[in-house]
Amino acid sequence: MSSTSDHIASLDPKHWVDNYGDYLYNYAYSRVNYSEVAEDLVQETFVAAWKSREGFQGRSAEKTWLISILKRKIIDHYRKASNRKEVTASQFTSPFEEDGPFEGHWIMEKAPKDWHLQMEEPMRQEEFRKILADCLADLPPKWHSVFVLKFMEEAKSEEVCKELGCTPSNLWVMIHRAKLKMRACIETNWLSA
């Protein structure tokens, strides 16, 4: 049976930056869309890993362990960001009919557009990633946090509620609004382009 000191000895902190820096940066950047924030999160990850290296039990690869620390840092980043001013319901226009015989149906001008485009082209993919990042950046902070945690980090709803201090019904409303705003932004900036 291996001891804790064996697991610590298996870590190679001198080479973390060389071996994992780019990967961790790209991972963080794809979730926060700001270079400086991604750099800070990676740096915080290395510092936290160094401080908690004695807790490394060797149950995962060094890279996996560092990624799990980075994920925690990203969640912390969005929890802090979610405490900023939230958009109220009155600032959000619904794309659905609100009364009459078509209540709950799409308003024709706001209905989803046809997304059947050739996505295989590498240039289109890069263009889409840029537009996706821009659309994410335009979301209100709390909606942005919810969207990234739920759909990019694939956190469970209970975890997102706990991290952001919201109720399940409030989470559903934010998810719904974030999806609608993202769809509208992507349609405007990518499909109409």
N, C-alpha and C. Protein backbone atom coordinates (compact mmCIF):
# COMPACT_ATOMS: atom_id res chain seq x y z
N MET A 1 0.85 -1.19 0.00
CA MET A 1 0.00 0.00 0.00
C MET A 1 0.89 1.24 0.00
N SER A 2 0.60 2.17 -0.88
CA SER A 2 1.44 3.36 -1.00
C SER A 2 1.03 4.39 0.04
N SER A 3 1.98 5.17 0.46
CA SER A 3 1.72 6.19 1.48
C SER A 3 1.44 7.54 0.83
N THR A 4 0.99 8.48 1.66
CA THR A 4 0.71 9.83 1.18
C THR A 4 1.97 10.46 0.62
N SER A 5 3.12 10.20 1.25
CA SER A 5 4.37 10.79 0.77
C SER A 5 4.72 10.27 -0.63
N ASP A 6 4.33 9.02 -0.94
CA ASP A 6 4.55 8.48 -2.29
C ASP A 6 3.72 9.25 -3.31
N HIS A 7 2.48 9.58 -2.94
CA HIS A 7 1.62 10.32 -3.85
C HIS A 7 2.14 11.74 -4.07
N ILE A 8 2.59 12.36 -3.00
CA ILE A 8 3.14 13.71 -3.11
C ILE A 8 4.39 13.68 -3.98
N ALA A 9 5.22 12.65 -3.80
CA ALA A 9 6.44 12.52 -4.60
C ALA A 9 6.12 12.32 -6.07
N SER A 10 4.94 11.77 -6.38
CA SER A 10 4.58 11.55 -7.78
C SER A 10 4.18 12.85 -8.47
N LEU A 11 3.90 13.90 -7.69
CA LEU A 11 3.58 15.20 -8.28
C LEU A 11 4.85 15.86 -8.80
N ASP A 12 4.72 16.64 -9.84
CA ASP A 12 5.87 17.30 -10.45
C ASP A 12 5.61 18.79 -10.61
N PRO A 13 5.52 19.54 -9.49
CA PRO A 13 5.16 20.96 -9.55
C PRO A 13 6.10 21.81 -10.40
N LYS A 14 7.36 21.41 -10.51
CA LYS A 14 8.32 22.19 -11.30
C LYS A 14 7.92 22.25 -12.77
N HIS A 15 7.17 21.26 -13.22
CA HIS A 15 6.81 21.17 -14.63
C HIS A 15 5.32 21.41 -14.90
N TRP A 16 4.57 21.82 -13.89
CA TRP A 16 3.14 22.05 -14.08
C TRP A 16 2.88 23.07 -15.19
N VAL A 17 3.59 24.18 -15.14
CA VAL A 17 3.35 25.24 -16.13
C VAL A 17 3.66 24.72 -17.54
N ASP A 18 4.81 24.07 -17.70
CA ASP A 18 5.19 23.55 -19.02
C ASP A 18 4.25 22.44 -19.49
N ASN A 19 3.91 21.54 -18.59
CA ASN A 19 3.11 20.37 -18.98
C ASN A 19 1.61 20.66 -19.11
N TYR A 20 1.09 21.55 -18.28
CA TYR A 20 -0.37 21.72 -18.22
C TYR A 20 -0.85 23.16 -18.39
N GLY A 21 0.06 24.12 -18.39
CA GLY A 21 -0.33 25.52 -18.44
C GLY A 21 -1.23 25.88 -19.61
N ASP A 22 -0.83 25.49 -20.82
CA ASP A 22 -1.63 25.82 -22.00
C ASP A 22 -2.98 25.14 -21.97
N TYR A 23 -3.00 23.88 -21.58
CA TYR A 23 -4.26 23.15 -21.53
C TYR A 23 -5.22 23.80 -20.53
N LEU A 24 -4.71 24.09 -19.33
CA LEU A 24 -5.55 24.70 -18.30
C LEU A 24 -6.02 26.09 -18.72
N TYR A 25 -5.13 26.85 -19.36
CA TYR A 25 -5.52 28.19 -19.83
C TYR A 25 -6.64 28.08 -20.85
N ASN A 26 -6.50 27.21 -21.84
CA ASN A 26 -7.53 27.05 -22.87
C ASN A 26 -8.84 26.58 -22.25
N TYR A 27 -8.76 25.69 -21.29
CA TYR A 27 -9.95 25.20 -20.60
C TYR A 27 -10.65 26.38 -19.90
N ALA A 28 -9.89 27.16 -19.15
CA ALA A 28 -10.45 28.30 -18.42
C ALA A 28 -10.98 29.35 -19.39
N TYR A 29 -10.21 29.66 -20.42
CA TYR A 29 -10.62 30.70 -21.37
C TYR A 29 -11.92 30.34 -22.06
N SER A 30 -12.10 29.07 -22.38
CA SER A 30 -13.33 28.65 -23.06
C SER A 30 -14.54 28.81 -22.16
N ARG A 31 -14.33 28.97 -20.88
CA ARG A 31 -15.44 29.11 -19.95
C ARG A 31 -15.65 30.53 -19.44
N VAL A 32 -14.59 31.35 -19.46
CA VAL A 32 -14.74 32.72 -18.94
C VAL A 32 -14.60 33.78 -20.02
N ASN A 33 -14.02 33.44 -21.16
CA ASN A 33 -13.90 34.32 -22.33
C ASN A 33 -13.10 35.59 -22.10
N TYR A 34 -12.31 35.65 -21.07
CA TYR A 34 -11.44 36.79 -20.82
C TYR A 34 -10.06 36.27 -20.51
N SER A 35 -9.08 36.71 -21.31
CA SER A 35 -7.72 36.22 -21.18
C SER A 35 -7.15 36.43 -19.78
N GLU A 36 -7.32 37.65 -19.26
CA GLU A 36 -6.75 37.96 -17.95
C GLU A 36 -7.37 37.11 -16.85
N VAL A 37 -8.69 36.92 -16.93
CA VAL A 37 -9.37 36.10 -15.93
C VAL A 37 -8.90 34.65 -16.03
N ALA A 38 -8.77 34.14 -17.26
CA ALA A 38 -8.30 32.76 -17.45
C ALA A 38 -6.89 32.60 -16.88
N GLU A 39 -6.02 33.57 -17.15
CA GLU A 39 -4.66 33.51 -16.61
C GLU A 39 -4.67 33.51 -15.09
N ASP A 40 -5.49 34.37 -14.50
CA ASP A 40 -5.59 34.42 -13.04
C ASP A 40 -6.08 33.10 -12.46
N LEU A 41 -7.10 32.52 -13.12
CA LEU A 41 -7.65 31.26 -12.63
C LEU A 41 -6.62 30.14 -12.69
N VAL A 42 -5.82 30.10 -13.74
CA VAL A 42 -4.78 29.07 -13.85
C VAL A 42 -3.72 29.30 -12.76
N GLN A 43 -3.34 30.54 -12.57
CA GLN A 43 -2.36 30.85 -11.53
C GLN A 43 -2.90 30.45 -10.15
N GLU A 44 -4.16 30.78 -9.89
CA GLU A 44 -4.79 30.39 -8.62
C GLU A 44 -4.84 28.87 -8.48
N THR A 45 -5.04 28.18 -9.59
CA THR A 45 -5.08 26.72 -9.57
C THR A 45 -3.72 26.17 -9.15
N PHE A 46 -2.65 26.69 -9.74
CA PHE A 46 -1.31 26.21 -9.38
C PHE A 46 -0.99 26.50 -7.91
N VAL A 47 -1.38 27.68 -7.45
CA VAL A 47 -1.12 28.03 -6.04
C VAL A 47 -1.91 27.10 -5.11
N ALA A 48 -3.20 26.90 -5.43
CA ALA A 48 -4.03 26.01 -4.60
C ALA A 48 -3.50 24.58 -4.63
N ALA A 49 -3.04 24.13 -5.79
CA ALA A 49 -2.49 22.77 -5.90
C ALA A 49 -1.23 22.64 -5.05
N TRP A 50 -0.39 23.64 -5.10
CA TRP A 50 0.84 23.62 -4.31
C TRP A 50 0.51 23.56 -2.81
N LYS A 51 -0.44 24.40 -2.40
CA LYS A 51 -0.82 24.45 -0.99
C LYS A 51 -1.48 23.16 -0.53
N SER A 52 -2.21 22.49 -1.43
CA SER A 52 -2.94 21.29 -1.02
C SER A 52 -2.28 20.00 -1.51
N ARG A 53 -1.01 20.09 -1.92
CA ARG A 53 -0.34 18.91 -2.48
C ARG A 53 -0.29 17.73 -1.52
N GLU A 54 -0.27 18.02 -0.23
CA GLU A 54 -0.25 16.92 0.74
C GLU A 54 -1.57 16.16 0.78
N GLY A 55 -2.62 16.79 0.27
CA GLY A 55 -3.92 16.13 0.20
C GLY A 55 -4.09 15.28 -1.06
N PHE A 56 -3.13 15.36 -1.99
CA PHE A 56 -3.21 14.57 -3.22
C PHE A 56 -3.07 13.10 -2.86
N GLN A 57 -4.07 12.32 -3.22
CA GLN A 57 -4.09 10.91 -2.82
C GLN A 57 -3.72 9.96 -3.95
N GLY A 58 -3.44 10.49 -5.11
CA GLY A 58 -3.00 9.65 -6.22
C GLY A 58 -4.11 8.83 -6.86
N ARG A 59 -5.37 9.17 -6.58
CA ARG A 59 -6.49 8.43 -7.18
C ARG A 59 -6.75 8.86 -8.62
N SER A 60 -6.14 9.95 -9.04
CA SER A 60 -6.29 10.43 -10.40
C SER A 60 -4.92 10.88 -10.90
N ALA A 61 -4.85 11.11 -12.20
CA ALA A 61 -3.62 11.64 -12.77
C ALA A 61 -3.42 13.08 -12.30
N GLU A 62 -2.20 13.52 -12.33
CA GLU A 62 -1.87 14.87 -11.92
C GLU A 62 -2.68 15.91 -12.71
N LYS A 63 -2.79 15.72 -14.02
CA LYS A 63 -3.55 16.63 -14.87
C LYS A 63 -5.02 16.67 -14.45
N THR A 64 -5.60 15.52 -14.20
CA THR A 64 -7.01 15.44 -13.78
C THR A 64 -7.21 16.17 -12.47
N TRP A 65 -6.29 16.01 -11.56
CA TRP A 65 -6.34 16.67 -10.26
C TRP A 65 -6.29 18.19 -10.43
N LEU A 66 -5.40 18.67 -11.29
CA LEU A 66 -5.30 20.11 -11.55
C LEU A 66 -6.57 20.64 -12.21
N ILE A 67 -7.14 19.88 -13.13
CA ILE A 67 -8.39 20.31 -13.79
C ILE A 67 -9.51 20.41 -12.76
N SER A 68 -9.57 19.46 -11.83
CA SER A 68 -10.64 19.52 -10.82
C SER A 68 -10.49 20.76 -9.93
N ILE A 69 -9.27 21.14 -9.64
CA ILE A 69 -9.03 22.37 -8.88
C ILE A 69 -9.45 23.59 -9.70
N LEU A 70 -9.09 23.59 -10.99
CA LEU A 70 -9.47 24.69 -11.88
C LEU A 70 -10.99 24.80 -11.99
N LYS A 71 -11.68 23.68 -12.11
CA LYS A 71 -13.15 23.71 -12.17
C LYS A 71 -13.71 24.41 -10.94
N ARG A 72 -13.16 24.10 -9.78
CA ARG A 72 -13.61 24.72 -8.53
C ARG A 72 -13.36 26.23 -8.57
N LYS A 73 -12.22 26.63 -9.13
CA LYS A 73 -11.89 28.05 -9.24
C LYS A 73 -12.86 28.76 -10.19
N ILE A 74 -13.24 28.09 -11.27
CA ILE A 74 -14.20 28.67 -12.21
C ILE A 74 -15.56 28.83 -11.55
N ILE A 75 -15.99 27.83 -10.80
CA ILE A 75 -17.26 27.92 -10.08
C ILE A 75 -17.21 29.07 -9.08
N ASP A 76 -16.10 29.20 -8.35
CA ASP A 76 -15.95 30.30 -7.41
C ASP A 76 -16.01 31.65 -8.12
N HIS A 77 -15.38 31.73 -9.29
CA HIS A 77 -15.40 32.96 -10.09
C HIS A 77 -16.85 33.34 -10.43
N TYR A 78 -17.63 32.36 -10.86
CA TYR A 78 -19.01 32.67 -11.24
C TYR A 78 -19.90 32.91 -10.03
N ARG A 79 -19.60 32.30 -8.91
CA ARG A 79 -20.38 32.58 -7.71
C ARG A 79 -20.17 34.04 -7.31
N LYS A 80 -18.93 34.50 -7.35
CA LYS A 80 -18.65 35.90 -7.02
C LYS A 80 -19.31 36.83 -8.03
N ALA A 81 -19.22 36.47 -9.32
CA ALA A 81 -19.81 37.31 -10.37
C ALA A 81 -21.32 37.35 -10.26
N SER A 82 -21.93 36.29 -9.76
CA SER A 82 -23.39 36.24 -9.69
C SER A 82 -23.95 37.14 -8.62
N ASN A 83 -23.13 37.65 -7.76
CA ASN A 83 -23.60 38.55 -6.71
C ASN A 83 -23.81 39.96 -7.22
N ARG A 84 -23.43 40.21 -8.48
CA ARG A 84 -23.66 41.53 -9.06
C ARG A 84 -25.14 41.71 -9.36
N LYS A 85 -25.50 42.92 -9.74
CA LYS A 85 -26.89 43.26 -10.01
C LYS A 85 -27.51 42.32 -11.04
N GLU A 86 -28.68 41.82 -10.71
CA GLU A 86 -29.40 40.90 -11.60
C GLU A 86 -30.45 41.66 -12.41
N VAL A 87 -30.65 41.23 -13.64
CA VAL A 87 -31.67 41.83 -14.50
C VAL A 87 -33.04 41.42 -14.00
N THR A 88 -33.94 42.36 -13.90
CA THR A 88 -35.28 42.05 -13.43
C THR A 88 -36.15 41.54 -14.56
N ALA A 89 -37.24 40.91 -14.22
CA ALA A 89 -38.15 40.36 -15.23
C ALA A 89 -38.69 41.45 -16.14
N SER A 90 -38.87 42.66 -15.62
CA SER A 90 -39.41 43.74 -16.44
C SER A 90 -38.44 44.18 -17.52
N GLN A 91 -37.15 43.86 -17.37
CA GLN A 91 -36.16 44.22 -18.37
C GLN A 91 -36.05 43.16 -19.46
N PHE A 92 -36.80 42.10 -19.36
CA PHE A 92 -36.73 40.99 -20.29
C PHE A 92 -38.02 40.89 -21.07
N THR A 93 -37.92 40.91 -22.39
CA THR A 93 -39.13 40.80 -23.21
C THR A 93 -39.29 39.36 -23.66
N SER A 94 -40.43 38.82 -23.41
CA SER A 94 -40.71 37.44 -23.75
C SER A 94 -40.96 37.29 -25.24
N PRO A 95 -40.47 36.18 -25.85
CA PRO A 95 -40.73 35.96 -27.27
C PRO A 95 -42.04 35.21 -27.51
N PHE A 96 -42.85 35.07 -26.47
CA PHE A 96 -44.09 34.31 -26.56
C PHE A 96 -45.31 35.23 -26.42
N GLU A 97 -46.39 34.83 -27.06
CA GLU A 97 -47.66 35.53 -26.90
C GLU A 97 -48.07 35.39 -25.43
N GLU A 98 -48.51 36.49 -24.84
CA GLU A 98 -48.82 36.46 -23.41
C GLU A 98 -50.30 36.31 -23.11
N ASP A 99 -51.15 36.52 -24.11
CA ASP A 99 -52.58 36.32 -23.88
C ASP A 99 -53.28 36.04 -25.21
N GLY A 100 -54.55 35.75 -25.11
CA GLY A 100 -55.32 35.46 -26.32
C GLY A 100 -55.24 33.99 -26.71
N PRO A 101 -55.75 33.64 -27.87
CA PRO A 101 -55.81 32.24 -28.28
C PRO A 101 -54.42 31.62 -28.55
N PHE A 102 -53.41 32.45 -28.77
CA PHE A 102 -52.08 31.94 -29.05
C PHE A 102 -51.12 32.10 -27.86
N GLU A 103 -51.67 32.24 -26.67
CA GLU A 103 -50.87 32.39 -25.46
C GLU A 103 -49.86 31.24 -25.36
N GLY A 104 -48.61 31.60 -25.11
CA GLY A 104 -47.55 30.60 -24.97
C GLY A 104 -46.89 30.20 -26.28
N HIS A 105 -47.43 30.65 -27.41
CA HIS A 105 -46.83 30.36 -28.71
C HIS A 105 -45.84 31.45 -29.07
N TRP A 106 -44.90 31.14 -29.98
CA TRP A 106 -43.91 32.11 -30.41
C TRP A 106 -44.56 33.31 -31.08
N ILE A 107 -44.05 34.50 -30.80
CA ILE A 107 -44.39 35.68 -31.58
C ILE A 107 -43.62 35.50 -32.88
N MET A 108 -44.31 35.62 -34.01
CA MET A 108 -43.71 35.27 -35.30
C MET A 108 -42.35 35.92 -35.54
N GLU A 109 -42.18 37.19 -35.21
CA GLU A 109 -40.91 37.88 -35.45
C GLU A 109 -39.80 37.38 -34.53
N LYS A 110 -40.18 36.69 -33.45
CA LYS A 110 -39.18 36.23 -32.48
C LYS A 110 -39.03 34.72 -32.48
N ALA A 111 -39.65 34.05 -33.43
CA ALA A 111 -39.56 32.59 -33.52
C ALA A 111 -38.15 32.18 -33.95
N PRO A 112 -37.73 30.97 -33.57
CA PRO A 112 -36.39 30.50 -33.95
C PRO A 112 -36.22 30.46 -35.47
N LYS A 113 -35.02 30.79 -35.91
CA LYS A 113 -34.69 30.73 -37.33
C LYS A 113 -34.15 29.33 -37.66
N ASP A 114 -34.00 29.05 -38.94
CA ASP A 114 -33.47 27.77 -39.40
C ASP A 114 -31.96 27.73 -39.16
N TRP A 115 -31.50 26.76 -38.38
CA TRP A 115 -30.08 26.63 -38.04
C TRP A 115 -29.39 25.57 -38.89
N HIS A 116 -29.97 25.12 -39.96
CA HIS A 116 -29.38 24.05 -40.78
C HIS A 116 -28.32 24.63 -41.71
N LEU A 117 -27.15 24.86 -41.15
CA LEU A 117 -26.03 25.38 -41.93
C LEU A 117 -24.89 24.37 -41.92
N GLN A 118 -23.97 24.52 -42.81
CA GLN A 118 -22.80 23.64 -42.86
C GLN A 118 -21.86 24.02 -41.72
N MET A 119 -21.81 23.22 -40.67
CA MET A 119 -20.93 23.50 -39.53
C MET A 119 -19.59 22.79 -39.66
N GLU A 120 -19.41 21.99 -40.68
CA GLU A 120 -18.18 21.23 -40.80
C GLU A 120 -17.00 22.09 -41.20
N GLU A 121 -17.27 23.21 -41.84
CA GLU A 121 -16.19 24.07 -42.30
C GLU A 121 -15.45 24.66 -41.09
N PRO A 122 -14.13 24.47 -41.00
CA PRO A 122 -13.37 24.98 -39.85
C PRO A 122 -13.52 26.47 -39.63
N MET A 123 -13.59 27.26 -40.71
CA MET A 123 -13.73 28.70 -40.53
C MET A 123 -15.07 29.04 -39.90
N ARG A 124 -16.12 28.35 -40.31
CA ARG A 124 -17.44 28.58 -39.72
C ARG A 124 -17.43 28.21 -38.24
N GLN A 125 -16.73 27.13 -37.90
CA GLN A 125 -16.67 26.72 -36.50
C GLN A 125 -15.98 27.79 -35.65
N GLU A 126 -14.85 28.31 -36.15
CA GLU A 126 -14.13 29.34 -35.42
C GLU A 126 -14.97 30.61 -35.31
N GLU A 127 -15.66 30.96 -36.40
CA GLU A 127 -16.55 32.11 -36.39
C GLU A 127 -17.65 31.91 -35.35
N PHE A 128 -18.21 30.70 -35.29
CA PHE A 128 -19.27 30.41 -34.33
C PHE A 128 -18.75 30.52 -32.90
N ARG A 129 -17.55 29.98 -32.65
CA ARG A 129 -16.98 30.06 -31.29
C ARG A 129 -16.80 31.51 -30.86
N LYS A 130 -16.38 32.37 -31.78
CA LYS A 130 -16.19 33.78 -31.45
C LYS A 130 -17.53 34.43 -31.13
N ILE A 131 -18.54 34.15 -31.93
CA ILE A 131 -19.86 34.72 -31.70
C ILE A 131 -20.45 34.18 -30.40
N LEU A 132 -20.27 32.89 -30.14
CA LEU A 132 -20.74 32.30 -28.89
C LEU A 132 -20.10 33.00 -27.69
N ALA A 133 -18.80 33.24 -27.76
CA ALA A 133 -18.10 33.94 -26.67
C ALA A 133 -18.65 35.36 -26.50
N ASP A 134 -18.87 36.05 -27.61
CA ASP A 134 -19.41 37.42 -27.54
C ASP A 134 -20.82 37.41 -26.95
N CYS A 135 -21.64 36.44 -27.37
CA CYS A 135 -23.01 36.36 -26.85
C CYS A 135 -23.01 36.03 -25.36
N LEU A 136 -22.12 35.15 -24.95
CA LEU A 136 -22.00 34.84 -23.52
C LEU A 136 -21.62 36.08 -22.73
N ALA A 137 -20.70 36.86 -23.28
CA ALA A 137 -20.24 38.07 -22.59
C ALA A 137 -21.36 39.10 -22.45
N ASP A 138 -22.35 39.05 -23.35
CA ASP A 138 -23.47 40.00 -23.29
C ASP A 138 -24.55 39.60 -22.29
N LEU A 139 -24.50 38.38 -21.78
CA LEU A 139 -25.50 37.96 -20.80
C LEU A 139 -25.30 38.73 -19.50
N PRO A 140 -26.37 39.01 -18.78
CA PRO A 140 -26.21 39.58 -17.43
C PRO A 140 -25.35 38.62 -16.59
N PRO A 141 -24.59 39.13 -15.65
CA PRO A 141 -23.64 38.30 -14.90
C PRO A 141 -24.22 37.01 -14.31
N LYS A 142 -25.38 37.09 -13.69
CA LYS A 142 -25.93 35.89 -13.06
C LYS A 142 -26.39 34.88 -14.12
N TRP A 143 -26.98 35.35 -15.20
CA TRP A 143 -27.39 34.44 -16.28
C TRP A 143 -26.15 33.80 -16.90
N HIS A 144 -25.09 34.58 -17.08
CA HIS A 144 -23.82 34.08 -17.62
C HIS A 144 -23.29 32.97 -16.72
N SER A 145 -23.30 33.22 -15.42
CA SER A 145 -22.83 32.22 -14.45
C SER A 145 -23.64 30.94 -14.56
N VAL A 146 -24.96 31.08 -14.58
CA VAL A 146 -25.85 29.92 -14.67
C VAL A 146 -25.60 29.15 -15.97
N PHE A 147 -25.50 29.86 -17.09
CA PHE A 147 -25.32 29.21 -18.39
C PHE A 147 -24.01 28.41 -18.43
N VAL A 148 -22.92 29.03 -17.99
CA VAL A 148 -21.63 28.35 -18.02
C VAL A 148 -21.61 27.16 -17.07
N LEU A 149 -22.08 27.35 -15.84
CA LEU A 149 -22.06 26.25 -14.88
C LEU A 149 -22.94 25.08 -15.33
N LYS A 150 -24.13 25.39 -15.83
CA LYS A 150 -25.08 24.34 -16.19
C LYS A 150 -24.72 23.64 -17.51
N PHE A 151 -24.34 24.41 -18.53
CA PHE A 151 -24.17 23.83 -19.85
C PHE A 151 -22.72 23.60 -20.27
N MET A 152 -21.80 24.36 -19.73
CA MET A 152 -20.40 24.16 -20.11
C MET A 152 -19.66 23.32 -19.07
N GLU A 153 -19.94 23.58 -17.80
CA GLU A 153 -19.33 22.79 -16.74
C GLU A 153 -20.15 21.54 -16.42
N GLU A 154 -21.38 21.51 -16.95
CA GLU A 154 -22.31 20.39 -16.77
C GLU A 154 -22.57 20.08 -15.29
N ALA A 155 -22.67 21.15 -14.50
CA ALA A 155 -22.99 21.00 -13.08
C ALA A 155 -24.47 20.64 -12.93
N LYS A 156 -24.78 19.89 -11.93
CA LYS A 156 -26.17 19.54 -11.64
C LYS A 156 -26.90 20.78 -11.12
N SER A 157 -28.19 20.82 -11.36
CA SER A 157 -28.99 21.98 -10.96
C SER A 157 -28.86 22.26 -9.47
N GLU A 158 -28.86 21.22 -8.65
CA GLU A 158 -28.74 21.41 -7.20
C GLU A 158 -27.43 22.10 -6.85
N GLU A 159 -26.35 21.70 -7.54
CA GLU A 159 -25.05 22.31 -7.28
C GLU A 159 -25.03 23.78 -7.70
N VAL A 160 -25.63 24.08 -8.85
CA VAL A 160 -25.69 25.46 -9.33
C VAL A 160 -26.48 26.32 -8.35
N CYS A 161 -27.62 25.80 -7.89
CA CYS A 161 -28.43 26.54 -6.91
C CYS A 161 -27.63 26.81 -5.64
N LYS A 162 -26.92 25.80 -5.19
CA LYS A 162 -26.13 25.95 -3.96
C LYS A 162 -25.02 26.98 -4.16
N GLU A 163 -24.32 26.88 -5.29
CA GLU A 163 -23.20 27.79 -5.55
C GLU A 163 -23.65 29.24 -5.72
N LEU A 164 -24.80 29.43 -6.37
CA LEU A 164 -25.24 30.79 -6.67
C LEU A 164 -26.29 31.31 -5.70
N GLY A 165 -26.71 30.47 -4.77
CA GLY A 165 -27.67 30.90 -3.77
C GLY A 165 -29.03 31.24 -4.35
N CYS A 166 -29.53 30.37 -5.22
CA CYS A 166 -30.84 30.62 -5.82
C CYS A 166 -31.73 29.40 -5.64
N THR A 167 -33.01 29.58 -5.83
CA THR A 167 -33.96 28.48 -5.72
C THR A 167 -34.02 27.74 -7.05
N PRO A 168 -34.50 26.49 -7.05
CA PRO A 168 -34.65 25.76 -8.32
C PRO A 168 -35.55 26.48 -9.32
N SER A 169 -36.63 27.08 -8.85
CA SER A 169 -37.51 27.78 -9.79
C SER A 169 -36.83 29.02 -10.35
N ASN A 170 -36.06 29.75 -9.54
CA ASN A 170 -35.32 30.91 -10.02
C ASN A 170 -34.24 30.47 -11.01
N LEU A 171 -33.61 29.33 -10.74
CA LEU A 171 -32.62 28.78 -11.66
C LEU A 171 -33.26 28.49 -13.01
N TRP A 172 -34.43 27.86 -13.00
CA TRP A 172 -35.10 27.53 -14.25
C TRP A 172 -35.41 28.79 -15.05
N VAL A 173 -35.87 29.84 -14.37
CA VAL A 173 -36.18 31.10 -15.05
C VAL A 173 -34.91 31.69 -15.67
N MET A 174 -33.81 31.69 -14.92
CA MET A 174 -32.56 32.24 -15.46
C MET A 174 -32.06 31.42 -16.64
N ILE A 175 -32.16 30.10 -16.54
CA ILE A 175 -31.74 29.23 -17.65
C ILE A 175 -32.59 29.54 -18.88
N HIS A 176 -33.89 29.62 -18.69
CA HIS A 176 -34.80 29.89 -19.79
C HIS A 176 -34.46 31.22 -20.46
N ARG A 177 -34.30 32.25 -19.67
CA ARG A 177 -34.00 33.57 -20.21
C ARG A 177 -32.63 33.61 -20.88
N ALA A 178 -31.65 32.95 -20.25
CA ALA A 178 -30.31 32.92 -20.85
C ALA A 178 -30.32 32.19 -22.19
N LYS A 179 -31.06 31.09 -22.27
CA LYS A 179 -31.15 30.36 -23.55
C LYS A 179 -31.80 31.22 -24.62
N LEU A 180 -32.88 31.90 -24.26
CA LEU A 180 -33.56 32.76 -25.24
C LEU A 180 -32.66 33.90 -25.71
N LYS A 181 -31.97 34.51 -24.78
CA LYS A 181 -31.08 35.62 -25.14
C LYS A 181 -29.91 35.11 -25.98
N MET A 182 -29.36 33.94 -25.62
CA MET A 182 -28.27 33.36 -26.40
C MET A 182 -28.75 33.03 -27.82
N ARG A 183 -29.92 32.42 -27.92
CA ARG A 183 -30.46 32.06 -29.23
C ARG A 183 -30.64 33.30 -30.10
N ALA A 184 -31.21 34.34 -29.52
CA ALA A 184 -31.44 35.58 -30.27
C ALA A 184 -30.12 36.20 -30.71
N CYS A 185 -29.15 36.21 -29.83
CA CYS A 185 -27.84 36.79 -30.13
C CYS A 185 -27.15 36.00 -31.25
N ILE A 186 -27.17 34.68 -31.15
CA ILE A 186 -26.52 33.84 -32.16
C ILE A 186 -27.23 33.99 -33.51
N GLU A 187 -28.55 34.01 -33.48
CA GLU A 187 -29.29 34.17 -34.72
C GLU A 187 -28.99 35.52 -35.38
N THR A 188 -28.90 36.56 -34.58
CA THR A 188 -28.64 37.89 -35.10
C THR A 188 -27.22 38.01 -35.63
N ASN A 189 -26.25 37.48 -34.90
CA ASN A 189 -24.84 37.69 -35.23
C ASN A 189 -24.23 36.61 -36.11
N TRP A 190 -24.88 35.47 -36.21
CA TRP A 190 -24.27 34.38 -36.98
C TRP A 190 -25.17 33.97 -38.15
N LEU A 191 -26.42 33.71 -37.87
CA LEU A 191 -27.30 33.24 -38.93
C LEU A 191 -27.68 34.35 -39.90
N SER A 192 -27.77 35.58 -39.40
CA SER A 192 -28.16 36.69 -40.26
C SER A 192 -26.96 37.33 -40.94
N ALA A 193 -25.78 36.92 -40.51
CA ALA A 193 -24.54 37.53 -41.05
C ALA A 193 -24.24 37.06 -42.46
